[in-house]
Amino acid sequence: MFVKEEFVLEVHHRLYKIYGAAITYFHDLDPLSELVTTLLSHRTKNRDSAQAFQNLRNRFGSWENVRDAEVDDIKAQLGPCTWPEQKAPRVKEVLRLISEKLGKLDLDFIGGMEVTAARQWLEELPGVGPKSSAAVISFSTLRGKALPVDSHHFRVAVRLGIIENKIGEGKANRVLENLLPPDFTAREVFDHHQVMMRHGQKLCFHYKPNCRECVLLDLCVTGQSLIAAKSN
């Protein structure tokens, strides 16, 4: 019988054997640019948020120009995103607040902070929760040690019984990160998010998960129950 930390590590190793070879860092963005793309990505497909991000860069040329632009002009560039009417003023406000706090638009300084402190600083900004702060730390050129948890990652963890659904994605972030081995490197933490997310995207679907093909089936009471229900 696994203790929870051993269970999580076993899940990680099995999924890494399947997905690990394809994992690379998919962004090469500075922390401020990563924060912007994270704000755009909420409930939006990656290709659409990436297009909106590129639209901003092409139209304005700098984050200072985005900060100083009219909200409607920003909104016009966010057409590929869900809720551009909410994201446009949010991006402008975040850029304005960073400028007020620091006197400039640059988040590279958080690379010199302890990760917990850096995430706390980021989460004081409107619209920046645990998932977003972890994404900035992990996905940007900082390559820091923080675990983002998206809806796919969360779903897989719940179905495996690692966490309860009622905890929610926000609180799940810290809980799941604390279950990883303390000696995991930043890259291993990044890889863990990737394998959990990819498993949710490719097999452990929201509707009709492909449980019979799952390498985790012997560990997954949810999958076993779904298969049993279909057999009856």
Protein backbone atom coordinates (compact mmCIF):
# COMPACT_ATOMS: atom_id res chain seq x y z
CA MET A 1 0.00 0.00 0.00
CA PHE A 2 1.47 3.37 -1.05
CA VAL A 3 1.64 6.39 1.20
CA LYS A 4 0.40 9.39 -0.77
CA GLU A 5 3.84 10.79 -1.61
CA GLU A 6 4.97 7.37 -2.89
CA PHE A 7 1.74 7.06 -4.85
CA VAL A 8 2.32 10.42 -6.56
CA LEU A 9 5.89 9.43 -7.42
CA GLU A 10 4.72 6.12 -8.89
CA VAL A 11 2.17 7.98 -11.02
CA HIS A 12 4.87 10.38 -12.15
CA HIS A 13 7.26 7.61 -13.19
CA ARG A 14 4.62 5.69 -15.14
CA LEU A 15 3.38 8.76 -17.00
CA TYR A 16 6.89 10.01 -17.69
CA LYS A 17 7.68 6.76 -19.50
CA ILE A 18 4.81 7.55 -21.87
CA TYR A 19 5.04 11.32 -22.32
CA GLY A 20 8.50 12.28 -21.10
CA ALA A 21 10.38 12.07 -24.39
CA ALA A 22 8.14 14.74 -25.95
CA ILE A 23 8.42 17.29 -23.12
CA THR A 24 10.36 20.49 -23.76
CA TYR A 25 10.05 24.00 -22.40
CA PHE A 26 7.49 25.50 -24.76
CA HIS A 27 8.10 29.18 -23.93
CA ASP A 28 11.20 31.34 -23.94
CA LEU A 29 9.55 34.44 -22.49
CA ASP A 30 10.75 36.84 -19.83
CA PRO A 31 8.64 36.81 -16.62
CA LEU A 32 6.55 39.87 -17.54
CA SER A 33 5.67 38.48 -20.97
CA GLU A 34 4.87 35.12 -19.36
CA LEU A 35 2.53 36.88 -16.94
CA VAL A 36 0.69 38.55 -19.83
CA THR A 37 0.28 35.30 -21.75
CA THR A 38 -0.90 33.59 -18.57
CA LEU A 39 -3.57 36.25 -18.05
CA LEU A 40 -4.73 35.71 -21.64
CA SER A 41 -4.79 31.92 -21.38
CA HIS A 42 -7.62 31.53 -18.85
CA ARG A 43 -10.25 29.22 -20.34
CA THR A 44 -8.70 29.73 -23.76
CA LYS A 45 -7.00 27.24 -26.07
CA ASN A 46 -3.23 27.64 -26.21
CA ARG A 47 -3.17 28.51 -29.91
CA ASP A 48 -5.79 31.24 -29.39
CA SER A 49 -4.09 32.86 -26.41
CA ALA A 50 -0.78 32.67 -28.29
CA GLN A 51 -2.36 34.50 -31.23
CA ALA A 52 -3.80 37.19 -28.96
CA PHE A 53 -0.39 37.61 -27.30
CA GLN A 54 1.26 38.02 -30.69
CA ASN A 55 -1.43 40.50 -31.73
CA LEU A 56 -0.52 42.67 -28.74
CA ARG A 57 3.15 42.53 -29.59
CA ASN A 58 2.58 43.32 -33.24
CA ARG A 59 0.17 46.19 -32.57
CA PHE A 60 1.92 47.90 -29.66
CA GLY A 61 5.57 46.84 -29.76
CA SER A 62 6.14 47.10 -26.00
CA TRP A 63 4.29 46.43 -22.75
CA GLU A 64 4.62 50.14 -21.92
CA ASN A 65 2.56 50.91 -25.01
CA VAL A 66 -0.03 48.32 -24.01
CA ARG A 67 -0.21 49.87 -20.53
CA ASP A 68 -0.80 53.30 -22.03
CA ALA A 69 -3.25 52.21 -24.74
CA GLU A 70 -7.02 52.60 -24.69
CA VAL A 71 -8.84 49.55 -23.37
CA ASP A 72 -10.86 49.22 -26.58
CA ASP A 73 -7.66 49.14 -28.63
CA ILE A 74 -6.27 46.38 -26.42
CA LYS A 75 -9.56 44.51 -26.60
CA ALA A 76 -9.48 44.61 -30.39
CA GLN A 77 -6.27 42.56 -30.34
CA LEU A 78 -7.71 39.91 -28.02
CA GLY A 79 -10.36 38.58 -30.39
CA PRO A 80 -9.00 35.00 -30.33
CA CYS A 81 -9.42 34.85 -26.52
CA THR A 82 -12.48 34.10 -24.46
CA TRP A 83 -13.77 37.18 -22.59
CA PRO A 84 -11.62 39.88 -24.26
CA GLU A 85 -13.87 42.47 -22.62
CA GLN A 86 -12.59 41.28 -19.21
CA LYS A 87 -9.01 40.49 -20.16
CA ALA A 88 -8.22 43.80 -21.86
CA PRO A 89 -8.81 45.99 -18.77
CA ARG A 90 -7.17 43.36 -16.56
CA VAL A 91 -3.95 43.32 -18.60
CA LYS A 92 -3.84 47.12 -18.64
CA GLU A 93 -4.43 47.32 -14.88
CA VAL A 94 -1.76 44.75 -14.06
CA LEU A 95 0.80 46.54 -16.21
CA ARG A 96 -0.13 49.84 -14.57
CA LEU A 97 0.21 48.42 -11.05
CA ILE A 98 3.60 46.86 -11.78
CA SER A 99 4.79 50.22 -13.11
CA GLU A 100 3.56 51.95 -9.95
CA LYS A 101 5.19 49.42 -7.64
CA LEU A 102 8.54 49.26 -9.42
CA GLY A 103 8.84 52.43 -11.45
CA LYS A 104 9.31 50.29 -14.56
CA LEU A 105 7.82 47.33 -16.39
CA ASP A 106 10.19 44.46 -15.64
CA LEU A 107 9.71 41.35 -13.49
CA ASP A 108 13.20 39.92 -13.82
CA PHE A 109 13.88 40.86 -10.19
CA ILE A 110 11.69 38.03 -8.91
CA GLY A 111 14.34 35.61 -10.14
CA GLY A 112 16.42 36.71 -7.16
CA MET A 113 13.64 36.06 -4.67
CA GLU A 114 12.78 32.88 -2.79
CA VAL A 115 10.03 31.18 -4.79
CA THR A 116 7.35 31.48 -2.09
CA ALA A 117 8.01 35.21 -1.75
CA ALA A 118 8.02 35.70 -5.52
CA ARG A 119 4.70 33.92 -5.86
CA GLN A 120 3.20 35.96 -3.02
CA TRP A 121 4.31 39.17 -4.75
CA LEU A 122 2.74 38.08 -8.03
CA GLU A 123 -0.49 36.95 -6.38
CA GLU A 124 -1.05 40.44 -4.98
CA LEU A 125 -1.76 41.50 -8.56
CA PRO A 126 -5.41 41.31 -9.70
CA GLY A 127 -6.30 38.10 -11.50
CA VAL A 128 -3.09 36.32 -10.53
CA GLY A 129 -3.74 33.18 -8.49
CA PRO A 130 -1.59 30.16 -7.61
CA LYS A 131 -1.74 28.64 -11.09
CA SER A 132 -0.68 31.90 -12.74
CA SER A 133 2.14 32.64 -10.30
CA ALA A 134 3.47 29.10 -10.71
CA ALA A 135 3.31 29.42 -14.50
CA VAL A 136 5.34 32.63 -14.43
CA ILE A 137 7.99 31.03 -12.21
CA SER A 138 8.12 27.71 -14.08
CA PHE A 139 7.39 28.51 -17.73
CA SER A 140 9.33 31.76 -18.14
CA THR A 141 13.07 32.11 -18.60
CA LEU A 142 13.35 31.97 -14.80
CA ARG A 143 12.82 28.18 -15.04
CA GLY A 144 11.97 28.18 -11.33
CA LYS A 145 10.60 25.46 -9.09
CA ALA A 146 6.82 25.84 -8.96
CA LEU A 147 3.96 23.53 -9.93
CA PRO A 148 1.12 24.91 -12.07
CA VAL A 149 -2.13 22.92 -11.91
CA ASP A 150 -4.54 23.30 -14.82
CA SER A 151 -7.94 21.66 -15.27
CA HIS A 152 -6.49 18.52 -16.90
CA HIS A 153 -3.89 18.06 -14.16
CA PHE A 154 -6.56 18.64 -11.51
CA ARG A 155 -8.95 16.14 -13.08
CA VAL A 156 -6.35 13.37 -13.20
CA ALA A 157 -5.33 14.00 -9.59
CA VAL A 158 -8.95 13.86 -8.41
CA ARG A 159 -9.73 10.67 -10.30
CA LEU A 160 -6.67 9.01 -8.84
CA GLY A 161 -7.80 9.98 -5.34
CA ILE A 162 -4.74 12.14 -4.69
CA ILE A 163 -6.98 15.10 -3.79
CA GLU A 164 -10.71 15.66 -3.41
CA ASN A 165 -12.65 17.58 -6.01
CA LYS A 166 -14.03 19.98 -3.40
CA ILE A 167 -10.57 21.43 -2.74
CA GLY A 168 -10.68 23.30 -6.06
CA GLU A 169 -7.88 24.06 -8.51
CA GLY A 170 -6.56 27.05 -6.59
CA LYS A 171 -5.87 25.26 -3.31
CA ALA A 172 -4.87 22.06 -5.12
CA ASN A 173 -1.81 23.84 -6.44
CA ARG A 174 0.02 23.98 -3.10
CA VAL A 175 -1.26 20.59 -1.91
CA LEU A 176 -0.06 18.75 -5.01
CA GLU A 177 3.27 20.57 -5.05
CA ASN A 178 3.90 19.53 -1.43
CA LEU A 179 3.37 15.88 -2.35
CA LEU A 180 6.29 15.91 -4.80
CA PRO A 181 9.71 14.76 -3.55
CA PRO A 182 11.52 17.71 -1.93
CA ASP A 183 14.62 16.89 -3.96
CA PHE A 184 12.77 17.24 -7.28
CA THR A 185 14.52 19.81 -9.44
CA ALA A 186 12.65 22.68 -11.09
CA ARG A 187 12.74 20.72 -14.34
CA GLU A 188 11.26 17.61 -12.69
CA VAL A 189 8.44 19.72 -11.22
CA PHE A 190 7.78 21.16 -14.68
CA ASP A 191 7.82 17.64 -16.15
CA HIS A 192 5.33 16.45 -13.53
CA HIS A 193 2.82 19.10 -14.51
CA GLN A 194 3.35 18.23 -18.15
CA VAL A 195 2.79 14.49 -17.77
CA MET A 196 -0.34 14.98 -15.65
CA MET A 197 -1.72 17.59 -18.06
CA ARG A 198 -0.95 15.52 -21.15
CA HIS A 199 -2.58 12.44 -19.63
CA GLY A 200 -5.73 14.46 -19.07
CA GLN A 201 -5.62 15.79 -22.63
CA LYS A 202 -4.83 12.52 -24.38
CA LEU A 203 -6.57 9.80 -22.40
CA CYS A 204 -8.21 10.82 -19.10
CA PHE A 205 -10.80 12.97 -20.85
CA HIS A 206 -13.45 14.99 -19.05
CA TYR A 207 -16.09 12.90 -20.81
CA LYS A 208 -15.58 9.23 -21.62
CA PRO A 209 -12.03 8.69 -20.33
CA ASN A 210 -10.25 5.82 -22.07
CA CYS A 211 -9.70 3.85 -18.88
CA ARG A 212 -9.00 0.48 -20.51
CA GLU A 213 -5.89 1.91 -22.17
CA CYS A 214 -4.64 3.67 -19.04
CA VAL A 215 -1.28 2.72 -17.57
CA LEU A 216 -2.63 3.84 -14.18
CA LEU A 217 -5.74 1.67 -14.18
CA ASP A 218 -4.52 -0.63 -11.39
CA LEU A 219 -4.03 2.47 -9.22
CA CYS A 220 -7.25 4.23 -10.17
CA VAL A 221 -10.44 3.36 -8.29
CA THR A 222 -12.38 5.77 -10.50
CA GLY A 223 -11.29 4.00 -13.67
CA GLN A 224 -11.98 0.58 -12.22
CA SER A 225 -15.46 1.71 -11.17
CA LEU A 226 -16.22 3.13 -14.62
CA ILE A 227 -15.19 -0.10 -16.32
CA ALA A 228 -17.22 -2.18 -13.86
CA ALA A 229 -20.28 -0.01 -14.45
CA LYS A 230 -20.01 -0.52 -18.22
CA SER A 231 -19.73 -4.29 -17.74
CA ASN A 232 -22.97 -4.51 -15.77
